[in-house]
Amino acid sequence: MLNGVNNRKYCWPLILWTILSWSCKPSVFPPPTDAELATAWAEMTTYLTQNTPSNSPTFASRAFGYIGLTMYESIVQGYSDYQSVAPQLNGLGSLALPEKRFDYNWQLALNAGQAEILRSIYIQTSASNKKRIDSLEAAIEQRWRKQVKDEEELLRSIQYGKTIAMQIFEWSKTDGGHRAYLKNFDKQLPIRTFPGSWKPPLYAQSFSHYPLHPHWGKNRCFLVADSVMDAPVPLPYDTTPGSPYFEQFRQVYEKNKMLTLEEKEAAIWWGDDPDVSFTPPGHSYSLGTIAIRQQQPDLITCAETYARIGIAVADAFRNCWKWKFQYYTERANTFIPEYIDPNWESFWPDPPFPAFPSGHAIQAAAAATVLTDLYGDFFRFTDSSHIGKPEDPIRKVGFKARTFNSFWAVAEETANSRFYGGIHIPMDNEKGLEKGKEIGQNVNRLKWKK
């Protein structure tokens, strides 16, 4: 049993299937296993997330929601113990049903559905990336051509997967986040100013002095239950030394003066900035890949895994952004230099949006909650996602694989990593974990089985 995966190392199925499908007799090589098929498409998804221009954690979280849901809905009708969750979602309704009198190949339906939804959601990706999607789709289809004796069954299965993907994509276009990469920053947005308000950072991840996706919290949630959640409440603003609010920032200040090597390694491991990684929700999606490779479940469980994670991180980011712009709270890089130490600078640069609650914490907790429900409280694994990356040249820290005994331990370290980085105070993380768990529980309560 594998304890860890390296995303680069395990790209071999994509490359192998693509090459072999055009150079060898298709009968020589069998179709992929269920786990190989599902994780191949998950890796294609995280690859596109990292290598598509103008992507952001917000847009990526939404993409994972629709892509994971498509994987599940494209095959669920082939499993008698399971049922579609589409009617339980916020305004989606029932999807197309397969014709009962015909047989379907559910691997081919999933394959076609994933290719279709990826091409639709990531329409802005490069021509070479679109060829990657086409090549993977064709390679898997080719593996089946000598197995499926009925050509009509093959075509029918492919068409069904595409139909489900197109229906879900049409629904996605009405959520408020369609093609949001075209409007990452609203330059007409007035910058709010009040005691304790967020200020454009000087030490930042982005050159923009405008916050990322300030209207994201108005988007539609996947779950109605998530759209009506109570907002977390931050501590009241108070610059008096010793006050609860002041002490939050003092803790960040003191911690950043005495970071251990292990804490620095955690801070850079979970940074997951766009363009250089698959983003924080992509990291959560990849945890599903680790679980599937270890457990080797059947196809419907694989698909349910990615659907649950995708919906959870999508709603987590939507709600997080709603609350970020509701409270518009400052970060340590503006409070500490003014009230504690004018020469202080955080270990990690500030992201371009308000602080409360932590996006890393809320999405990690949501993902951990659904994964725990699927795979258990104790699940030992190693995350090797960033192994092979060069040492961080500014912080002089390398990327070291992380081993955990549970998915919740991942959520806690993800949250803590932002505290180590100096960009979140404890209450940002505590409330993020709390609300993320609530979102994950709402996803778990969907009636996945009959």
Protein backbone atom coordinates (compact mmCIF):
# COMPACT_ATOMS: atom_id res chain seq x y z
CA MET A 1 0.00 0.00 0.00
CA LEU A 2 1.34 3.43 -0.91
CA ASN A 3 1.78 5.95 1.91
CA GLY A 4 2.48 8.94 -0.29
CA VAL A 5 2.20 10.30 -3.80
CA ASN A 6 4.14 12.76 -5.83
CA ASN A 7 1.98 14.52 -8.40
CA ARG A 8 4.82 14.73 -10.89
CA LYS A 9 5.80 11.11 -10.39
CA TYR A 10 2.27 9.85 -10.91
CA CYS A 11 1.67 11.72 -14.15
CA TRP A 12 2.98 8.57 -15.85
CA PRO A 13 -0.50 7.10 -16.53
CA LEU A 14 -1.46 10.15 -18.59
CA ILE A 15 1.71 10.01 -20.64
CA LEU A 16 1.70 6.23 -20.96
CA TRP A 17 -1.90 5.94 -22.12
CA THR A 18 -1.47 8.75 -24.60
CA ILE A 19 1.67 7.31 -26.19
CA LEU A 20 0.55 3.69 -26.22
CA SER A 21 -2.86 4.43 -27.65
CA TRP A 22 -1.32 5.75 -30.87
CA SER A 23 1.71 3.50 -31.15
CA CYS A 24 0.55 0.01 -30.10
CA LYS A 25 -2.30 -2.35 -30.72
CA PRO A 26 -5.13 -1.36 -28.36
CA SER A 27 -5.85 -5.00 -27.48
CA VAL A 28 -2.43 -5.30 -25.83
CA PHE A 29 -3.21 -2.82 -23.08
CA PRO A 30 -6.31 -3.19 -20.89
CA PRO A 31 -8.51 -0.30 -19.78
CA PRO A 32 -7.44 1.56 -16.63
CA THR A 33 -8.59 0.47 -13.21
CA ASP A 34 -11.28 2.60 -11.59
CA ALA A 35 -8.74 4.34 -9.36
CA GLU A 36 -6.37 4.97 -12.27
CA LEU A 37 -9.12 6.52 -14.34
CA ALA A 38 -10.46 8.82 -11.62
CA THR A 39 -7.05 9.98 -10.40
CA ALA A 40 -5.80 10.56 -13.96
CA TRP A 41 -8.61 13.08 -14.46
CA ALA A 42 -8.06 14.57 -11.01
CA GLU A 43 -4.40 15.12 -11.86
CA MET A 44 -5.36 16.67 -15.17
CA THR A 45 -7.63 19.01 -13.23
CA THR A 46 -4.94 20.10 -10.77
CA TYR A 47 -2.45 20.46 -13.63
CA LEU A 48 -4.80 22.83 -15.45
CA THR A 49 -5.43 24.71 -12.22
CA GLN A 50 -1.73 25.43 -11.86
CA ASN A 51 -1.01 26.05 -15.53
CA THR A 52 -3.92 28.23 -16.65
CA PRO A 53 -3.38 32.02 -16.72
CA SER A 54 -5.15 34.39 -14.31
CA ASN A 55 -6.35 31.57 -12.09
CA SER A 56 -7.06 32.23 -8.42
CA PRO A 57 -7.99 30.15 -5.35
CA THR A 58 -11.54 31.49 -5.59
CA PHE A 59 -12.09 30.55 -9.23
CA ALA A 60 -10.25 27.25 -8.74
CA SER A 61 -12.48 26.26 -5.81
CA ARG A 62 -15.55 26.83 -7.97
CA ALA A 63 -14.01 24.78 -10.79
CA PHE A 64 -13.36 21.82 -8.48
CA GLY A 65 -16.98 21.94 -7.38
CA TYR A 66 -18.38 21.55 -10.89
CA ILE A 67 -15.70 19.13 -12.09
CA GLY A 68 -16.08 16.83 -9.08
CA LEU A 69 -19.87 16.93 -9.32
CA THR A 70 -19.68 16.03 -13.02
CA MET A 71 -17.52 13.01 -12.26
CA TYR A 72 -20.15 11.71 -9.85
CA GLU A 73 -23.27 12.54 -11.85
CA SER A 74 -21.86 11.08 -15.08
CA ILE A 75 -21.82 7.57 -13.55
CA VAL A 76 -24.20 7.51 -10.57
CA GLN A 77 -27.08 6.04 -12.59
CA GLY A 78 -25.02 2.90 -13.08
CA TYR A 79 -24.98 2.09 -9.35
CA SER A 80 -28.20 0.83 -7.80
CA ASP A 81 -27.24 1.73 -4.22
CA TYR A 82 -26.48 5.36 -5.09
CA GLN A 83 -28.54 8.28 -6.28
CA SER A 84 -28.06 11.62 -7.96
CA VAL A 85 -27.52 14.57 -5.61
CA ALA A 86 -28.46 17.06 -8.35
CA PRO A 87 -32.05 17.62 -7.10
CA GLN A 88 -30.64 18.32 -3.61
CA LEU A 89 -28.41 21.15 -4.84
CA ASN A 90 -29.22 24.83 -5.07
CA GLY A 91 -31.33 25.19 -8.21
CA LEU A 92 -29.82 22.43 -10.34
CA GLY A 93 -32.77 20.01 -10.53
CA SER A 94 -32.79 16.61 -12.18
CA LEU A 95 -30.26 15.69 -14.85
CA ALA A 96 -30.61 13.50 -17.93
CA LEU A 97 -31.21 9.80 -17.28
CA PRO A 98 -29.74 6.91 -19.27
CA GLU A 99 -32.18 4.81 -21.28
CA LYS A 100 -33.03 1.75 -19.21
CA ARG A 101 -33.22 -0.61 -22.18
CA PHE A 102 -29.57 -0.01 -23.11
CA ASP A 103 -26.23 -0.89 -21.54
CA TYR A 104 -23.65 1.78 -20.72
CA ASN A 105 -19.92 1.73 -20.10
CA TRP A 106 -19.52 3.97 -17.06
CA GLN A 107 -15.77 4.44 -17.39
CA LEU A 108 -16.33 5.88 -20.85
CA ALA A 109 -19.14 8.10 -19.56
CA LEU A 110 -16.88 9.47 -16.82
CA ASN A 111 -14.04 9.92 -19.28
CA ALA A 112 -16.15 11.92 -21.72
CA GLY A 113 -17.80 13.94 -18.96
CA GLN A 114 -14.50 15.00 -17.41
CA ALA A 115 -13.05 16.04 -20.76
CA GLU A 116 -16.17 18.06 -21.59
CA ILE A 117 -16.43 19.89 -18.26
CA LEU A 118 -12.70 20.69 -18.19
CA ARG A 119 -12.81 22.16 -21.68
CA SER A 120 -15.83 24.23 -20.66
CA ILE A 121 -14.75 25.47 -17.23
CA TYR A 122 -11.16 26.13 -18.31
CA ILE A 123 -12.01 27.59 -21.70
CA GLN A 124 -9.26 30.18 -21.18
CA THR A 125 -6.45 27.62 -20.85
CA SER A 126 -3.76 27.32 -23.49
CA ALA A 127 -4.06 25.40 -26.76
CA SER A 128 -1.42 22.95 -25.54
CA ASN A 129 -3.42 22.29 -22.38
CA LYS A 130 -6.55 21.66 -24.43
CA LYS A 131 -4.57 19.11 -26.42
CA ARG A 132 -3.65 17.42 -23.13
CA ILE A 133 -7.34 17.05 -22.34
CA ASP A 134 -8.07 15.70 -25.81
CA SER A 135 -5.15 13.27 -25.66
CA LEU A 136 -6.14 11.82 -22.29
CA GLU A 137 -9.76 11.44 -23.38
CA ALA A 138 -8.75 9.73 -26.63
CA ALA A 139 -6.20 7.46 -24.96
CA ILE A 140 -8.69 6.09 -22.45
CA GLU A 141 -11.35 5.69 -25.11
CA GLN A 142 -8.87 3.80 -27.27
CA ARG A 143 -8.15 1.38 -24.41
CA TRP A 144 -11.81 0.38 -24.50
CA ARG A 145 -12.29 0.01 -28.25
CA LYS A 146 -11.36 -3.70 -28.31
CA GLN A 147 -13.26 -4.37 -25.09
CA VAL A 148 -16.64 -2.93 -26.03
CA LYS A 149 -18.08 -5.12 -28.76
CA ASP A 150 -21.08 -2.89 -29.33
CA GLU A 151 -20.05 0.35 -31.06
CA GLU A 152 -23.40 1.89 -30.23
CA GLU A 153 -22.85 1.20 -26.52
CA LEU A 154 -19.51 2.95 -26.72
CA LEU A 155 -20.96 6.01 -28.46
CA ARG A 156 -24.01 6.06 -26.20
CA SER A 157 -21.83 6.04 -23.08
CA ILE A 158 -19.64 8.84 -24.37
CA GLN A 159 -22.65 10.95 -25.31
CA TYR A 160 -24.25 10.45 -21.91
CA GLY A 161 -21.14 11.67 -20.09
CA LYS A 162 -20.97 14.73 -22.33
CA THR A 163 -24.66 15.47 -21.82
CA ILE A 164 -24.30 15.47 -18.03
CA ALA A 165 -21.23 17.73 -18.29
CA MET A 166 -23.03 20.18 -20.55
CA GLN A 167 -26.06 20.34 -18.25
CA ILE A 168 -23.88 21.03 -15.21
CA PHE A 169 -21.86 23.61 -17.13
CA GLU A 170 -25.03 25.47 -18.16
CA TRP A 171 -26.04 25.57 -14.50
CA SER A 172 -22.57 26.86 -13.56
CA LYS A 173 -22.93 29.85 -15.86
CA THR A 174 -25.68 31.28 -13.65
CA ASP A 175 -23.84 31.21 -10.29
CA GLY A 176 -22.12 34.61 -10.52
CA GLY A 177 -18.59 33.25 -10.97
CA HIS A 178 -18.63 32.35 -14.67
CA ARG A 179 -15.36 33.42 -16.34
CA ALA A 180 -14.44 35.33 -13.18
CA TYR A 181 -10.77 35.30 -14.17
CA LEU A 182 -11.68 38.21 -16.48
CA LYS A 183 -12.47 40.36 -13.43
CA ASN A 184 -10.14 39.26 -10.64
CA PHE A 185 -9.81 42.82 -9.34
CA ASP A 186 -12.54 45.47 -9.35
CA LYS A 187 -10.68 48.73 -9.91
CA GLN A 188 -13.87 50.72 -9.39
CA LEU A 189 -14.28 49.35 -5.87
CA PRO A 190 -13.97 52.03 -3.16
CA ILE A 191 -11.39 51.08 -0.54
CA ARG A 192 -13.18 51.12 2.81
CA THR A 193 -11.40 52.84 5.69
CA PHE A 194 -12.23 52.47 9.39
CA PRO A 195 -10.31 51.47 12.54
CA GLY A 196 -9.09 47.91 11.99
CA SER A 197 -9.96 47.82 8.28
CA TRP A 198 -7.97 45.94 5.67
CA LYS A 199 -5.36 47.98 3.86
CA PRO A 200 -3.55 47.12 0.62
CA PRO A 201 -0.31 45.50 1.80
CA LEU A 202 3.17 46.70 0.97
CA TYR A 203 4.66 43.21 1.40
CA ALA A 204 2.28 41.30 -0.82
CA GLN A 205 1.77 38.34 -3.14
CA SER A 206 0.09 40.58 -5.72
CA PHE A 207 0.97 43.92 -7.30
CA SER A 208 -2.70 44.92 -7.19
CA HIS A 209 -3.83 47.34 -4.50
CA TYR A 210 -7.38 46.14 -5.02
CA PRO A 211 -8.72 43.04 -3.26
CA LEU A 212 -9.27 39.78 -5.13
CA HIS A 213 -12.87 38.98 -6.13
CA PRO A 214 -14.63 41.32 -3.69
CA HIS A 215 -18.06 40.21 -4.97
CA TRP A 216 -17.42 36.45 -4.71
CA GLY A 217 -19.56 36.16 -1.59
CA LYS A 218 -22.63 37.04 -3.67
CA ASN A 219 -22.22 33.90 -5.79
CA ARG A 220 -24.61 30.99 -5.47
CA CYS A 221 -23.65 28.20 -3.08
CA PHE A 222 -23.92 24.56 -4.15
CA LEU A 223 -25.94 23.87 -0.98
CA VAL A 224 -28.80 25.99 0.30
CA ALA A 225 -27.71 25.09 3.84
CA ASP A 226 -24.34 26.73 3.23
CA SER A 227 -25.94 29.91 1.94
CA VAL A 228 -27.85 30.49 5.19
CA MET A 229 -25.08 29.71 7.69
CA ASP A 230 -24.55 32.09 10.59
CA ALA A 231 -21.50 34.29 10.13
CA PRO A 232 -18.56 33.89 12.52
CA VAL A 233 -17.95 36.91 14.74
CA PRO A 234 -14.47 38.45 15.12
CA LEU A 235 -13.13 40.04 18.28
CA PRO A 236 -13.90 43.76 18.67
CA TYR A 237 -11.17 46.13 17.54
CA ASP A 238 -8.99 47.36 20.38
CA THR A 239 -5.39 48.62 20.19
CA THR A 240 -4.94 48.62 23.97
CA PRO A 241 -2.00 46.39 24.96
CA GLY A 242 -3.33 43.35 26.79
CA SER A 243 -6.78 43.49 25.17
CA PRO A 244 -7.97 40.26 23.47
CA TYR A 245 -7.68 41.88 20.02
CA PHE A 246 -4.17 43.26 20.66
CA GLU A 247 -3.01 39.92 22.07
CA GLN A 248 -3.97 38.16 18.82
CA PHE A 249 -1.40 40.21 16.93
CA ARG A 250 1.16 39.99 19.71
CA GLN A 251 1.03 36.20 19.39
CA VAL A 252 1.83 36.48 15.67
CA TYR A 253 4.67 38.88 16.41
CA GLU A 254 6.22 36.64 19.07
CA LYS A 255 5.83 33.47 17.00
CA ASN A 256 7.50 35.01 13.95
CA LYS A 257 10.57 35.86 16.02
CA MET A 258 11.11 32.22 16.99
CA LEU A 259 9.93 30.06 14.10
CA THR A 260 11.43 26.57 14.03
CA LEU A 261 12.60 24.97 10.79
CA GLU A 262 9.61 22.62 10.88
CA GLU A 263 7.20 25.55 11.22
CA LYS A 264 8.85 27.32 8.31
CA GLU A 265 8.56 24.14 6.24
CA ALA A 266 4.84 23.96 7.05
CA ALA A 267 4.39 27.62 6.13
CA ILE A 268 5.82 27.19 2.63
CA TRP A 269 4.28 23.73 2.07
CA TRP A 270 0.72 25.02 2.47
CA GLY A 271 1.34 28.39 0.80
CA ASP A 272 0.06 27.07 -2.54
CA ASP A 273 0.14 30.38 -4.37
CA PRO A 274 -1.51 30.39 -7.83
CA ASP A 275 0.78 29.93 -10.86
CA VAL A 276 3.39 28.09 -8.78
CA SER A 277 1.05 25.43 -7.37
CA PHE A 278 -2.42 23.94 -7.76
CA THR A 279 -3.84 26.47 -5.21
CA PRO A 280 -5.15 25.63 -1.70
CA PRO A 281 -8.38 23.99 -2.93
CA GLY A 282 -6.29 22.04 -5.44
CA HIS A 283 -4.18 20.77 -2.58
CA SER A 284 -7.36 19.56 -0.89
CA TYR A 285 -8.51 17.89 -4.13
CA SER A 286 -5.15 16.12 -4.33
CA LEU A 287 -5.72 14.64 -0.87
CA GLY A 288 -8.59 12.73 -2.46
CA THR A 289 -6.10 11.33 -4.95
CA ILE A 290 -3.87 10.14 -2.11
CA ALA A 291 -6.82 8.44 -0.39
CA ILE A 292 -7.98 6.75 -3.60
CA ARG A 293 -4.52 5.46 -4.48
CA GLN A 294 -4.18 3.93 -1.03
CA GLN A 295 -7.66 2.41 -0.82
CA GLN A 296 -8.30 1.54 -4.49
CA PRO A 297 -12.10 1.89 -4.17
CA ASP A 298 -14.65 1.29 -6.90
CA LEU A 299 -15.46 3.96 -9.47
CA ILE A 300 -18.50 5.41 -7.71
CA THR A 301 -16.56 5.89 -4.46
CA CYS A 302 -13.76 7.58 -6.38
CA ALA A 303 -16.27 9.92 -8.00
CA GLU A 304 -18.07 10.60 -4.73
CA THR A 305 -14.74 11.50 -3.13
CA TYR A 306 -13.98 14.20 -5.69
CA ALA A 307 -17.58 15.43 -5.74
CA ARG A 308 -17.68 15.88 -1.98
CA ILE A 309 -14.31 17.64 -1.86
CA GLY A 310 -15.17 19.87 -4.80
CA ILE A 311 -18.53 20.99 -3.40
CA ALA A 312 -17.02 21.49 0.07
CA VAL A 313 -14.13 23.70 -1.02
CA ALA A 314 -16.33 25.65 -3.44
CA ASP A 315 -18.86 26.58 -0.77
CA ALA A 316 -16.09 27.15 1.77
CA PHE A 317 -14.47 29.79 -0.44
CA ARG A 318 -17.79 31.39 -1.33
CA ASN A 319 -18.76 31.79 2.33
CA CYS A 320 -15.27 32.78 3.38
CA TRP A 321 -15.25 35.61 0.82
CA LYS A 322 -18.71 36.72 1.91
CA TRP A 323 -17.48 37.08 5.48
CA LYS A 324 -14.10 38.57 4.51
CA PHE A 325 -15.83 41.46 2.78
CA GLN A 326 -18.52 41.71 5.43
CA TYR A 327 -15.93 42.40 8.13
CA TYR A 328 -13.03 43.71 5.98
CA THR A 329 -10.49 43.05 8.73
CA GLU A 330 -6.81 43.96 8.73
CA ARG A 331 -3.78 41.73 8.73
CA ALA A 332 -0.72 41.65 10.94
CA ASN A 333 1.45 43.47 8.38
CA THR A 334 -0.53 46.66 9.01
CA PHE A 335 -1.35 46.30 12.72
CA ILE A 336 2.04 45.16 14.09
CA PRO A 337 4.20 47.89 12.46
CA GLU A 338 1.83 50.57 13.78
CA TYR A 339 1.24 49.30 17.31
CA ILE A 340 4.02 46.84 18.20
CA ASP A 341 7.18 47.05 16.06
CA PRO A 342 7.60 49.45 13.09
CA ASN A 343 10.31 47.23 11.57
CA TRP A 344 8.33 43.97 11.63
CA GLU A 345 7.68 42.00 8.47
CA SER A 346 5.84 38.69 8.18
CA PHE A 347 7.55 35.46 7.17
CA TRP A 348 5.11 35.06 4.27
CA PRO A 349 3.78 37.90 2.07
CA ASP A 350 0.16 39.01 2.41
CA PRO A 351 -2.49 37.81 -0.05
CA PRO A 352 -4.58 40.61 -1.64
CA PHE A 353 -7.79 40.42 0.39
CA PRO A 354 -9.07 40.91 3.96
CA ALA A 355 -8.16 38.51 6.74
CA PHE A 356 -11.16 37.15 8.66
CA PRO A 357 -11.77 34.23 8.47
CA SER A 358 -8.84 32.29 7.02
CA GLY A 359 -9.48 30.87 3.55
CA HIS A 360 -6.83 28.20 4.05
CA ALA A 361 -8.42 27.07 7.31
CA ILE A 362 -12.02 27.01 6.12
CA GLN A 363 -11.44 25.07 2.92
CA ALA A 364 -8.99 22.64 4.56
CA ALA A 365 -11.49 21.92 7.34
CA ALA A 366 -14.33 21.42 4.84
CA ALA A 367 -12.24 18.95 2.81
CA ALA A 368 -10.97 17.13 5.91
CA THR A 369 -14.53 16.70 7.17
CA VAL A 370 -15.77 15.02 4.00
CA LEU A 371 -12.65 12.88 3.63
CA THR A 372 -12.92 11.71 7.25
CA ASP A 373 -16.54 10.71 6.67
CA LEU A 374 -15.50 8.64 3.65
CA TYR A 375 -12.20 7.13 4.84
CA GLY A 376 -12.29 7.21 8.64
CA ASP A 377 -10.85 9.15 11.58
CA PHE A 378 -7.50 7.39 11.36
CA PHE A 379 -5.88 7.53 7.93
CA ARG A 380 -2.10 7.58 7.82
CA PHE A 381 -0.55 9.01 4.66
CA THR A 382 2.28 11.14 3.33
CA ASP A 383 1.70 14.17 1.17
CA SER A 384 4.59 14.49 -1.30
CA SER A 385 2.90 16.98 -3.62
CA HIS A 386 5.68 19.58 -3.65
CA ILE A 387 8.68 17.25 -3.54
CA GLY A 388 11.03 18.19 -6.36
CA LYS A 389 10.48 21.92 -6.09
CA PRO A 390 13.63 23.98 -5.52
CA GLU A 391 14.30 25.54 -2.14
CA ASP A 392 12.44 28.79 -1.49
CA PRO A 393 15.10 31.34 -2.51
CA ILE A 394 13.91 34.11 -0.18
CA ARG A 395 13.28 32.11 2.98
CA LYS A 396 16.01 29.50 2.38
CA VAL A 397 13.64 26.67 3.26
CA GLY A 398 13.13 23.45 1.32
CA PHE A 399 9.98 21.47 0.61
CA LYS A 400 9.76 18.45 2.90
CA ALA A 401 7.04 15.79 2.60
CA ARG A 402 4.42 15.85 5.35
CA THR A 403 3.10 12.73 7.09
CA PHE A 404 -0.25 12.69 8.92
CA ASN A 405 -2.43 10.24 10.85
CA SER A 406 -5.71 11.91 9.91
CA PHE A 407 -7.24 14.37 7.49
CA TRP A 408 -8.16 16.69 10.35
CA ALA A 409 -4.46 16.90 11.25
CA VAL A 410 -3.95 18.30 7.74
CA ALA A 411 -6.62 20.94 8.32
CA GLU A 412 -5.02 21.99 11.58
CA GLU A 413 -1.53 22.24 10.08
CA THR A 414 -2.88 24.13 7.07
CA ALA A 415 -4.48 26.67 9.41
CA ASN A 416 -1.40 26.88 11.62
CA SER A 417 0.81 27.42 8.58
CA ARG A 418 -0.82 30.82 8.04
CA PHE A 419 -0.14 31.73 11.66
CA TYR A 420 3.50 30.71 11.19
CA GLY A 421 3.57 32.78 8.03
CA GLY A 422 2.44 35.83 9.96
CA ILE A 423 -0.59 36.53 7.80
CA HIS A 424 -3.38 35.24 10.05
CA ILE A 425 -4.06 35.79 13.73
CA PRO A 426 -5.39 32.83 15.76
CA MET A 427 -9.05 33.85 15.59
CA ASP A 428 -8.95 33.84 11.76
CA ASN A 429 -7.88 30.21 11.84
CA GLU A 430 -10.10 29.09 14.72
CA LYS A 431 -13.27 30.44 13.13
CA GLY A 432 -12.17 29.18 9.72
CA LEU A 433 -11.77 25.62 11.02
CA GLU A 434 -15.09 25.82 12.83
CA LYS A 435 -17.06 27.05 9.81
CA GLY A 436 -15.24 24.77 7.38
CA LYS A 437 -16.22 21.75 9.48
CA GLU A 438 -19.84 22.92 9.39
CA ILE A 439 -19.73 23.20 5.58
CA GLY A 440 -18.20 19.74 5.28
CA GLN A 441 -20.92 18.29 7.52
CA ASN A 442 -23.58 19.84 5.28
CA VAL A 443 -22.01 18.09 2.28
CA ASN A 444 -21.91 14.80 4.17
CA ARG A 445 -25.63 15.14 4.95
CA LEU A 446 -26.56 15.02 1.28
CA LYS A 447 -28.27 11.74 0.47
CA TRP A 448 -25.59 10.10 -1.65
CA LYS A 449 -27.08 6.62 -1.24
CA LYS A 450 -30.68 5.48 -1.59
